[in-house]
């Protein structure tokens, strides 16, 4: 008696990388004819936590702007979750854009709005027409910042650190899968630095503000030391190049001369 071959389930394709750059030229936001990084080849997989360091004007902010779709690459291809994210903000790419959150250096808040209104802005814009109460989400985001009692103040009433915390809460409002942070530790004292390092690490591991789902994180800065025991992958920007340094285990043995300087306290 013959038996029919056992049925096999189709193989599940591997998830697409959260971010891919292939031979990319990164230009500046202020002058799209001027390049700051060339021939960037970079793959960020879902669940990665990347720390990217570089000296002043090495292109950190421009790299984050390109990854978030604020501007186009000068050359090459940049994909987010397998799709090219164009800088034209076309309606058919809205769902893709909402999977990415960007925290600008300094927060970049709207100064005519209160802190609470800045946090609520993306919720009202994207979810306000839906038939559910935004109140619980807003309360969670406000509590997340640690300055609930200041929520009715304007941004110029609080320090840069608090403005940047509001910028983080705003970026997390729609529960992005890919979180980009442009130099979040700049100008912070040790206590505030510790809050950011702990919080970003918790977001990468899975935080209640993201329904305990781990975020894919890319953070930039002028110093890798705060992230040496936190991030899973590292890179630096040097001489208009993107230089991958490998994983945490590979970092200590890397021979890149600039690495020692970027691992020191500054």
C-alpha atoms as a PDB file:
ATOM      1  CA  UNK A   1       0.000   0.000   0.000  1.00  0.00           C
ATOM      2  CA  UNK A   2       1.594   3.172  -1.120  1.00  0.00           C
ATOM      3  CA  UNK A   3       1.415   6.292   0.909  1.00  0.00           C
ATOM      4  CA  UNK A   4       1.143   9.792  -0.448  1.00  0.00           C
ATOM      5  CA  UNK A   5       4.121  12.045   0.194  1.00  0.00           C
ATOM      6  CA  UNK A   6       3.797  14.129   3.310  1.00  0.00           C
ATOM      7  CA  UNK A   7       2.575  17.610   2.584  1.00  0.00           C
ATOM      8  CA  UNK A   8       5.075  20.330   3.300  1.00  0.00           C
ATOM      9  CA  UNK A   9       4.302  23.848   4.358  1.00  0.00           C
ATOM     10  CA  UNK A  10       5.718  26.609   2.172  1.00  0.00           C
ATOM     11  CA  UNK A  11       8.813  28.213   3.607  1.00  0.00           C
ATOM     12  CA  UNK A  12       8.240  31.581   5.237  1.00  0.00           C
ATOM     13  CA  UNK A  13      10.409  34.183   3.522  1.00  0.00           C
ATOM     14  CA  UNK A  14      12.857  35.944   5.840  1.00  0.00           C
ATOM     15  CA  UNK A  15      11.745  39.381   7.028  1.00  0.00           C
ATOM     16  CA  UNK A  16      12.976  42.309   4.997  1.00  0.00           C
ATOM     17  CA  UNK A  17      15.673  44.442   6.634  1.00  0.00           C
ATOM     18  CA  UNK A  18      14.401  47.486   8.481  1.00  0.00           C
ATOM     19  CA  UNK A  19      16.891  49.651   6.573  1.00  0.00           C
ATOM     20  CA  UNK A  20      19.119  49.030   3.549  1.00  0.00           C
ATOM     21  CA  UNK A  21      21.546  51.370   1.821  1.00  0.00           C
ATOM     22  CA  UNK A  22      23.309  50.276  -1.353  1.00  0.00           C
ATOM     23  CA  UNK A  23      26.153  52.449  -2.674  1.00  0.00           C
ATOM     24  CA  UNK A  24      24.421  55.506  -1.272  1.00  0.00           C
ATOM     25  CA  UNK A  25      25.696  59.065  -1.441  1.00  0.00           C
ATOM     26  CA  UNK A  26      24.418  61.130   1.487  1.00  0.00           C
ATOM     27  CA  UNK A  27      24.023  64.831   0.771  1.00  0.00           C
ATOM     28  CA  UNK A  28      23.300  67.644   3.215  1.00  0.00           C
ATOM     29  CA  UNK A  29      19.881  69.007   4.081  1.00  0.00           C
ATOM     30  CA  UNK A  30      21.127  72.526   3.383  1.00  0.00           C
ATOM     31  CA  UNK A  31      22.766  71.817   0.020  1.00  0.00           C
ATOM     32  CA  UNK A  32      21.662  68.698  -1.909  1.00  0.00           C
ATOM     33  CA  UNK A  33      24.567  69.185  -4.326  1.00  0.00           C
ATOM     34  CA  UNK A  34      27.126  68.646  -1.536  1.00  0.00           C
ATOM     35  CA  UNK A  35      27.874  65.111  -0.349  1.00  0.00           C
ATOM     36  CA  UNK A  36      28.991  64.268   3.189  1.00  0.00           C
ATOM     37  CA  UNK A  37      29.142  60.455   2.856  1.00  0.00           C
ATOM     38  CA  UNK A  38      29.817  58.332  -0.199  1.00  0.00           C
ATOM     39  CA  UNK A  39      29.369  54.676  -1.159  1.00  0.00           C
ATOM     40  CA  UNK A  40      27.441  53.769   1.997  1.00  0.00           C
ATOM     41  CA  UNK A  41      26.529  50.073   2.155  1.00  0.00           C
ATOM     42  CA  UNK A  42      24.549  49.267   5.275  1.00  0.00           C
ATOM     43  CA  UNK A  43      21.952  46.721   6.364  1.00  0.00           C
ATOM     44  CA  UNK A  44      19.971  47.091   9.579  1.00  0.00           C
ATOM     45  CA  UNK A  45      17.908  44.020  10.409  1.00  0.00           C
ATOM     46  CA  UNK A  46      14.767  44.047  12.513  1.00  0.00           C
ATOM     47  CA  UNK A  47      15.722  44.018  16.186  1.00  0.00           C
ATOM     48  CA  UNK A  48      19.199  45.500  15.674  1.00  0.00           C
ATOM     49  CA  UNK A  49      20.418  48.283  17.944  1.00  0.00           C
ATOM     50  CA  UNK A  50      23.023  50.355  16.083  1.00  0.00           C
ATOM     51  CA  UNK A  51      25.240  53.088  17.532  1.00  0.00           C
ATOM     52  CA  UNK A  52      26.863  55.293  14.882  1.00  0.00           C
ATOM     53  CA  UNK A  53      29.489  57.823  15.968  1.00  0.00           C
ATOM     54  CA  UNK A  54      31.386  60.562  14.194  1.00  0.00           C
ATOM     55  CA  UNK A  55      33.151  63.827  14.837  1.00  0.00           C
ATOM     56  CA  UNK A  56      31.526  67.204  14.251  1.00  0.00           C
ATOM     57  CA  UNK A  57      30.123  67.629  10.717  1.00  0.00           C
ATOM     58  CA  UNK A  58      30.770  64.023   9.793  1.00  0.00           C
ATOM     59  CA  UNK A  59      27.213  63.630   8.465  1.00  0.00           C
ATOM     60  CA  UNK A  60      25.308  62.120  11.400  1.00  0.00           C
ATOM     61  CA  UNK A  61      22.199  64.290  11.078  1.00  0.00           C
ATOM     62  CA  UNK A  62      22.161  63.971   7.295  1.00  0.00           C
ATOM     63  CA  UNK A  63      22.384  60.171   7.554  1.00  0.00           C
ATOM     64  CA  UNK A  64      19.368  60.129   9.890  1.00  0.00           C
ATOM     65  CA  UNK A  65      17.457  62.492   7.623  1.00  0.00           C
ATOM     66  CA  UNK A  66      18.044  60.163   4.674  1.00  0.00           C
ATOM     67  CA  UNK A  67      17.096  57.045   6.667  1.00  0.00           C
ATOM     68  CA  UNK A  68      13.835  58.692   7.744  1.00  0.00           C
ATOM     69  CA  UNK A  69      12.921  59.772   4.217  1.00  0.00           C
ATOM     70  CA  UNK A  70      13.223  63.507   4.816  1.00  0.00           C
ATOM     71  CA  UNK A  71      15.589  63.775   1.864  1.00  0.00           C
ATOM     72  CA  UNK A  72      16.733  61.685  -1.093  1.00  0.00           C
ATOM     73  CA  UNK A  73      20.121  60.118  -1.575  1.00  0.00           C
ATOM     74  CA  UNK A  74      22.458  61.735  -4.069  1.00  0.00           C
ATOM     75  CA  UNK A  75      23.105  58.298  -5.593  1.00  0.00           C
ATOM     76  CA  UNK A  76      22.304  54.724  -4.755  1.00  0.00           C
ATOM     77  CA  UNK A  77      19.250  53.101  -3.196  1.00  0.00           C
ATOM     78  CA  UNK A  78      17.858  53.482   0.310  1.00  0.00           C
ATOM     79  CA  UNK A  79      15.081  51.084   1.346  1.00  0.00           C
ATOM     80  CA  UNK A  80      12.981  50.989   4.498  1.00  0.00           C
ATOM     81  CA  UNK A  81      11.300  47.637   5.159  1.00  0.00           C
ATOM     82  CA  UNK A  82      12.054  46.658   1.576  1.00  0.00           C
ATOM     83  CA  UNK A  83      10.638  49.770  -0.096  1.00  0.00           C
ATOM     84  CA  UNK A  84      12.279  52.955  -1.285  1.00  0.00           C
ATOM     85  CA  UNK A  85      11.115  55.842   0.876  1.00  0.00           C
ATOM     86  CA  UNK A  86      10.917  58.940  -1.277  1.00  0.00           C
ATOM     87  CA  UNK A  87      11.226  62.478   0.034  1.00  0.00           C
ATOM     88  CA  UNK A  88       8.070  63.629  -1.758  1.00  0.00           C
ATOM     89  CA  UNK A  89       5.739  62.486   1.094  1.00  0.00           C
ATOM     90  CA  UNK A  90       3.331  60.808  -1.307  1.00  0.00           C
ATOM     91  CA  UNK A  91       0.084  59.547   0.204  1.00  0.00           C
ATOM     92  CA  UNK A  92       0.676  55.964  -0.916  1.00  0.00           C
ATOM     93  CA  UNK A  93       3.799  55.839   1.276  1.00  0.00           C
ATOM     94  CA  UNK A  94       2.060  57.035   4.429  1.00  0.00           C
ATOM     95  CA  UNK A  95       1.762  53.567   5.984  1.00  0.00           C
ATOM     96  CA  UNK A  96       5.483  52.996   5.405  1.00  0.00           C
ATOM     97  CA  UNK A  97       6.427  56.339   6.936  1.00  0.00           C
ATOM     98  CA  UNK A  98       4.406  55.635  10.056  1.00  0.00           C
ATOM     99  CA  UNK A  99       6.651  52.631  10.751  1.00  0.00           C
ATOM    100  CA  UNK A 100       9.585  55.033  11.290  1.00  0.00           C
ATOM    101  CA  UNK A 101      10.068  57.454  14.182  1.00  0.00           C
ATOM    102  CA  UNK A 102      12.729  60.179  14.176  1.00  0.00           C
ATOM    103  CA  UNK A 103      13.945  62.118  17.220  1.00  0.00           C
ATOM    104  CA  UNK A 104      15.678  65.280  16.072  1.00  0.00           C
ATOM    105  CA  UNK A 105      18.702  66.710  17.833  1.00  0.00           C
ATOM    106  CA  UNK A 106      17.161  69.099  20.371  1.00  0.00           C
ATOM    107  CA  UNK A 107      13.614  67.824  19.866  1.00  0.00           C
ATOM    108  CA  UNK A 108      12.644  70.365  17.181  1.00  0.00           C
ATOM    109  CA  UNK A 109       9.309  71.124  18.844  1.00  0.00           C
ATOM    110  CA  UNK A 110       6.670  73.506  17.536  1.00  0.00           C
ATOM    111  CA  UNK A 111       7.122  76.411  19.921  1.00  0.00           C
ATOM    112  CA  UNK A 112       3.602  77.818  19.532  1.00  0.00           C
ATOM    113  CA  UNK A 113       2.177  74.549  20.914  1.00  0.00           C
ATOM    114  CA  UNK A 114       2.289  73.342  24.506  1.00  0.00           C
ATOM    115  CA  UNK A 115       4.351  70.298  25.402  1.00  0.00           C
ATOM    116  CA  UNK A 116       1.174  68.217  25.568  1.00  0.00           C
ATOM    117  CA  UNK A 117       0.052  69.475  22.160  1.00  0.00           C
ATOM    118  CA  UNK A 118       3.443  68.610  20.643  1.00  0.00           C
ATOM    119  CA  UNK A 119       3.120  65.025  21.864  1.00  0.00           C
ATOM    120  CA  UNK A 120      -0.502  64.781  20.699  1.00  0.00           C
ATOM    121  CA  UNK A 121       0.141  66.200  17.227  1.00  0.00           C
ATOM    122  CA  UNK A 122       0.761  62.923  15.347  1.00  0.00           C
ATOM    123  CA  UNK A 123      -2.053  61.175  17.227  1.00  0.00           C
ATOM    124  CA  UNK A 124      -4.628  63.789  16.250  1.00  0.00           C
ATOM    125  CA  UNK A 125      -3.318  64.009  12.700  1.00  0.00           C
ATOM    126  CA  UNK A 126      -3.221  60.271  11.976  1.00  0.00           C
ATOM    127  CA  UNK A 127      -5.615  58.682  14.472  1.00  0.00           C
ATOM    128  CA  UNK A 128      -7.974  61.533  15.328  1.00  0.00           C
ATOM    129  CA  UNK A 129     -10.588  60.438  12.776  1.00  0.00           C
ATOM    130  CA  UNK A 130     -10.749  56.926  14.212  1.00  0.00           C
ATOM    131  CA  UNK A 131     -13.455  55.975  16.671  1.00  0.00           C
ATOM    132  CA  UNK A 132     -11.452  55.444  19.845  1.00  0.00           C
ATOM    133  CA  UNK A 133     -10.290  57.473  22.818  1.00  0.00           C
ATOM    134  CA  UNK A 134      -6.813  58.972  22.467  1.00  0.00           C
ATOM    135  CA  UNK A 135      -6.729  59.905  26.161  1.00  0.00           C
ATOM    136  CA  UNK A 136      -5.043  56.758  27.546  1.00  0.00           C
ATOM    137  CA  UNK A 137      -2.306  56.890  24.912  1.00  0.00           C
ATOM    138  CA  UNK A 138      -1.629  60.557  25.613  1.00  0.00           C
ATOM    139  CA  UNK A 139      -1.460  59.938  29.374  1.00  0.00           C
ATOM    140  CA  UNK A 140       1.025  57.108  28.862  1.00  0.00           C
ATOM    141  CA  UNK A 141       3.241  59.248  26.630  1.00  0.00           C
ATOM    142  CA  UNK A 142       3.122  62.186  29.025  1.00  0.00           C
ATOM    143  CA  UNK A 143       4.032  59.963  31.982  1.00  0.00           C
ATOM    144  CA  UNK A 144       6.855  58.483  29.896  1.00  0.00           C
ATOM    145  CA  UNK A 145       8.613  61.888  29.757  1.00  0.00           C
ATOM    146  CA  UNK A 146       8.700  62.308  33.545  1.00  0.00           C
ATOM    147  CA  UNK A 147       7.444  65.936  33.407  1.00  0.00           C
ATOM    148  CA  UNK A 148       3.671  65.553  33.450  1.00  0.00           C
ATOM    149  CA  UNK A 149       3.235  68.653  35.611  1.00  0.00           C
ATOM    150  CA  UNK A 150       4.729  70.854  32.847  1.00  0.00           C
ATOM    151  CA  UNK A 151       2.558  69.647  29.992  1.00  0.00           C
ATOM    152  CA  UNK A 152       0.648  72.914  29.567  1.00  0.00           C
ATOM    153  CA  UNK A 153       3.834  74.962  29.286  1.00  0.00           C
ATOM    154  CA  UNK A 154       5.392  76.093  26.015  1.00  0.00           C
ATOM    155  CA  UNK A 155       8.702  74.518  24.935  1.00  0.00           C
ATOM    156  CA  UNK A 156      10.766  77.603  25.768  1.00  0.00           C
ATOM    157  CA  UNK A 157       9.749  77.162  29.415  1.00  0.00           C
ATOM    158  CA  UNK A 158      11.799  73.973  29.791  1.00  0.00           C
ATOM    159  CA  UNK A 159      15.420  72.992  29.181  1.00  0.00           C
ATOM    160  CA  UNK A 160      16.790  71.385  26.054  1.00  0.00           C
ATOM    161  CA  UNK A 161      16.803  67.958  27.704  1.00  0.00           C
ATOM    162  CA  UNK A 162      13.101  68.149  28.483  1.00  0.00           C
ATOM    163  CA  UNK A 163      12.341  69.418  24.992  1.00  0.00           C
ATOM    164  CA  UNK A 164      14.162  66.414  23.598  1.00  0.00           C
ATOM    165  CA  UNK A 165      12.206  64.047  25.870  1.00  0.00           C
ATOM    166  CA  UNK A 166       9.013  65.531  24.437  1.00  0.00           C
ATOM    167  CA  UNK A 167      10.446  64.958  20.955  1.00  0.00           C
ATOM    168  CA  UNK A 168      11.021  61.311  21.861  1.00  0.00           C
ATOM    169  CA  UNK A 169       7.472  60.904  23.180  1.00  0.00           C
ATOM    170  CA  UNK A 170       6.130  62.476  19.984  1.00  0.00           C
ATOM    171  CA  UNK A 171       8.216  60.106  17.854  1.00  0.00           C
ATOM    172  CA  UNK A 172       6.853  57.127  19.815  1.00  0.00           C
ATOM    173  CA  UNK A 173       3.225  58.247  19.650  1.00  0.00           C
ATOM    174  CA  UNK A 174       2.308  56.024  16.678  1.00  0.00           C
ATOM    175  CA  UNK A 175       4.381  53.057  17.908  1.00  0.00           C
ATOM    176  CA  UNK A 176       7.078  52.988  15.192  1.00  0.00           C
ATOM    177  CA  UNK A 177       9.053  49.836  14.434  1.00  0.00           C
ATOM    178  CA  UNK A 178      12.252  51.678  13.450  1.00  0.00           C
ATOM    179  CA  UNK A 179      13.416  54.423  15.818  1.00  0.00           C
ATOM    180  CA  UNK A 180      16.097  56.896  14.697  1.00  0.00           C
ATOM    181  CA  UNK A 181      17.719  59.197  17.260  1.00  0.00           C
ATOM    182  CA  UNK A 182      19.985  62.033  16.154  1.00  0.00           C
ATOM    183  CA  UNK A 183      22.633  62.694  18.853  1.00  0.00           C
ATOM    184  CA  UNK A 184      20.259  62.435  21.842  1.00  0.00           C
ATOM    185  CA  UNK A 185      23.049  62.764  24.444  1.00  0.00           C
ATOM    186  CA  UNK A 186      24.473  66.086  23.235  1.00  0.00           C
ATOM    187  CA  UNK A 187      24.770  68.647  26.036  1.00  0.00           C
ATOM    188  CA  UNK A 188      23.307  66.450  28.792  1.00  0.00           C
ATOM    189  CA  UNK A 189      24.517  66.123  32.373  1.00  0.00           C
ATOM    190  CA  UNK A 190      25.282  62.634  33.769  1.00  0.00           C
ATOM    191  CA  UNK A 191      21.819  62.147  35.283  1.00  0.00           C
ATOM    192  CA  UNK A 192      20.002  63.003  32.059  1.00  0.00           C
ATOM    193  CA  UNK A 193      22.480  60.940  30.047  1.00  0.00           C
ATOM    194  CA  UNK A 194      21.710  57.933  32.235  1.00  0.00           C
ATOM    195  CA  UNK A 195      17.952  58.406  31.652  1.00  0.00           C
ATOM    196  CA  UNK A 196      18.419  58.406  27.892  1.00  0.00           C
ATOM    197  CA  UNK A 197      20.765  55.432  27.814  1.00  0.00           C
ATOM    198  CA  UNK A 198      18.459  53.373  30.027  1.00  0.00           C
ATOM    199  CA  UNK A 199      15.327  54.430  28.161  1.00  0.00           C
ATOM    200  CA  UNK A 200      16.662  53.794  24.671  1.00  0.00           C
ATOM    201  CA  UNK A 201      18.030  50.431  25.786  1.00  0.00           C
ATOM    202  CA  UNK A 202      14.600  49.569  27.192  1.00  0.00           C
ATOM    203  CA  UNK A 203      12.912  50.576  23.929  1.00  0.00           C
ATOM    204  CA  UNK A 204      15.280  48.286  22.027  1.00  0.00           C
ATOM    205  CA  UNK A 205      14.479  45.425  24.407  1.00  0.00           C
ATOM    206  CA  UNK A 206      10.724  46.020  24.538  1.00  0.00           C
ATOM    207  CA  UNK A 207       9.027  48.855  26.464  1.00  0.00           C
ATOM    208  CA  UNK A 208       5.366  49.262  27.519  1.00  0.00           C
ATOM    209  CA  UNK A 209       5.116  52.483  25.488  1.00  0.00           C
ATOM    210  CA  UNK A 210       5.588  50.262  22.400  1.00  0.00           C
ATOM    211  CA  UNK A 211       3.370  47.460  23.734  1.00  0.00           C
ATOM    212  CA  UNK A 212       6.522  45.643  24.892  1.00  0.00           C
ATOM    213  CA  UNK A 213       7.545  45.065  21.260  1.00  0.00           C
ATOM    214  CA  UNK A 214      11.312  45.553  20.754  1.00  0.00           C
ATOM    215  CA  UNK A 215      12.141  48.476  18.495  1.00  0.00           C
ATOM    216  CA  UNK A 216      14.873  48.507  15.868  1.00  0.00           C
ATOM    217  CA  UNK A 217      17.067  51.393  17.033  1.00  0.00           C
ATOM    218  CA  UNK A 218      19.721  53.568  15.401  1.00  0.00           C
ATOM    219  CA  UNK A 219      21.341  56.210  17.605  1.00  0.00           C
ATOM    220  CA  UNK A 220      24.074  58.644  16.600  1.00  0.00           C
ATOM    221  CA  UNK A 221      26.541  60.641  18.662  1.00  0.00           C
ATOM    222  CA  UNK A 222      30.099  61.912  18.968  1.00  0.00           C
ATOM    223  CA  UNK A 223      31.011  59.184  21.469  1.00  0.00           C
ATOM    224  CA  UNK A 224      30.442  55.435  21.434  1.00  0.00           C
ATOM    225  CA  UNK A 225      31.273  54.863  25.099  1.00  0.00           C
ATOM    226  CA  UNK A 226      27.688  55.222  26.477  1.00  0.00           C
ATOM    227  CA  UNK A 227      26.495  52.577  24.023  1.00  0.00           C
ATOM    228  CA  UNK A 228      29.418  50.134  24.191  1.00  0.00           C
ATOM    229  CA  UNK A 229      27.571  47.763  26.521  1.00  0.00           C
ATOM    230  CA  UNK A 230      24.102  48.477  25.120  1.00  0.00           C
ATOM    231  CA  UNK A 231      24.036  48.516  21.336  1.00  0.00           C
ATOM    232  CA  UNK A 232      24.381  45.319  19.316  1.00  0.00           C
ATOM    233  CA  UNK A 233      26.125  46.832  16.258  1.00  0.00           C
ATOM    234  CA  UNK A 234      28.480  49.765  15.777  1.00  0.00           C
ATOM    235  CA  UNK A 235      29.755  52.020  12.999  1.00  0.00           C
ATOM    236  CA  UNK A 236      31.597  55.291  12.622  1.00  0.00           C
ATOM    237  CA  UNK A 237      31.661  58.083  10.074  1.00  0.00           C
ATOM    238  CA  UNK A 238      35.130  59.070   8.926  1.00  0.00           C
ATOM    239  CA  UNK A 239      36.525  60.862   5.874  1.00  0.00           C
ATOM    240  CA  UNK A 240      33.125  60.785   4.112  1.00  0.00           C
ATOM    241  CA  UNK A 241      32.872  57.027   4.642  1.00  0.00           C
ATOM    242  CA  UNK A 242      30.531  54.809   6.623  1.00  0.00           C
ATOM    243  CA  UNK A 243      32.771  52.340   8.485  1.00  0.00           C
ATOM    244  CA  UNK A 244      31.018  49.292  10.030  1.00  0.00           C
ATOM    245  CA  UNK A 245      32.749  48.114  13.203  1.00  0.00           C
ATOM    246  CA  UNK A 246      30.776  44.930  13.774  1.00  0.00           C
ATOM    247  CA  UNK A 247      29.001  43.605  16.839  1.00  0.00           C
ATOM    248  CA  UNK A 248      29.640  44.336  20.508  1.00  0.00           C
ATOM    249  CA  UNK A 249      31.961  41.346  20.754  1.00  0.00           C
ATOM    250  CA  UNK A 250      34.000  42.578  17.778  1.00  0.00           C
ATOM    251  CA  UNK A 251      34.290  46.178  18.957  1.00  0.00           C
ATOM    252  CA  UNK A 252      37.166  45.762  21.408  1.00  0.00           C
ATOM    253  CA  UNK A 253      39.434  44.104  18.856  1.00  0.00           C
ATOM    254  CA  UNK A 254      38.786  46.501  15.970  1.00  0.00           C
ATOM    255  CA  UNK A 255      41.883  48.224  14.598  1.00  0.00           C
ATOM    256  CA  UNK A 256      40.248  51.469  13.389  1.00  0.00           C
ATOM    257  CA  UNK A 257      42.441  54.312  14.778  1.00  0.00           C
ATOM    258  CA  UNK A 258      39.532  56.710  15.388  1.00  0.00           C
ATOM    259  CA  UNK A 259      37.673  54.126  17.468  1.00  0.00           C
ATOM    260  CA  UNK A 260      39.752  54.670  20.613  1.00  0.00           C
ATOM    261  CA  UNK A 261      38.961  58.393  20.539  1.00  0.00           C
ATOM    262  CA  UNK A 262      35.235  57.708  20.095  1.00  0.00           C
ATOM    263  CA  UNK A 263      35.239  55.312  23.056  1.00  0.00           C
ATOM    264  CA  UNK A 264      36.619  57.849  25.528  1.00  0.00           C
ATOM    265  CA  UNK A 265      34.656  60.029  27.962  1.00  0.00           C
ATOM    266  CA  UNK A 266      34.090  63.493  26.553  1.00  0.00           C
END
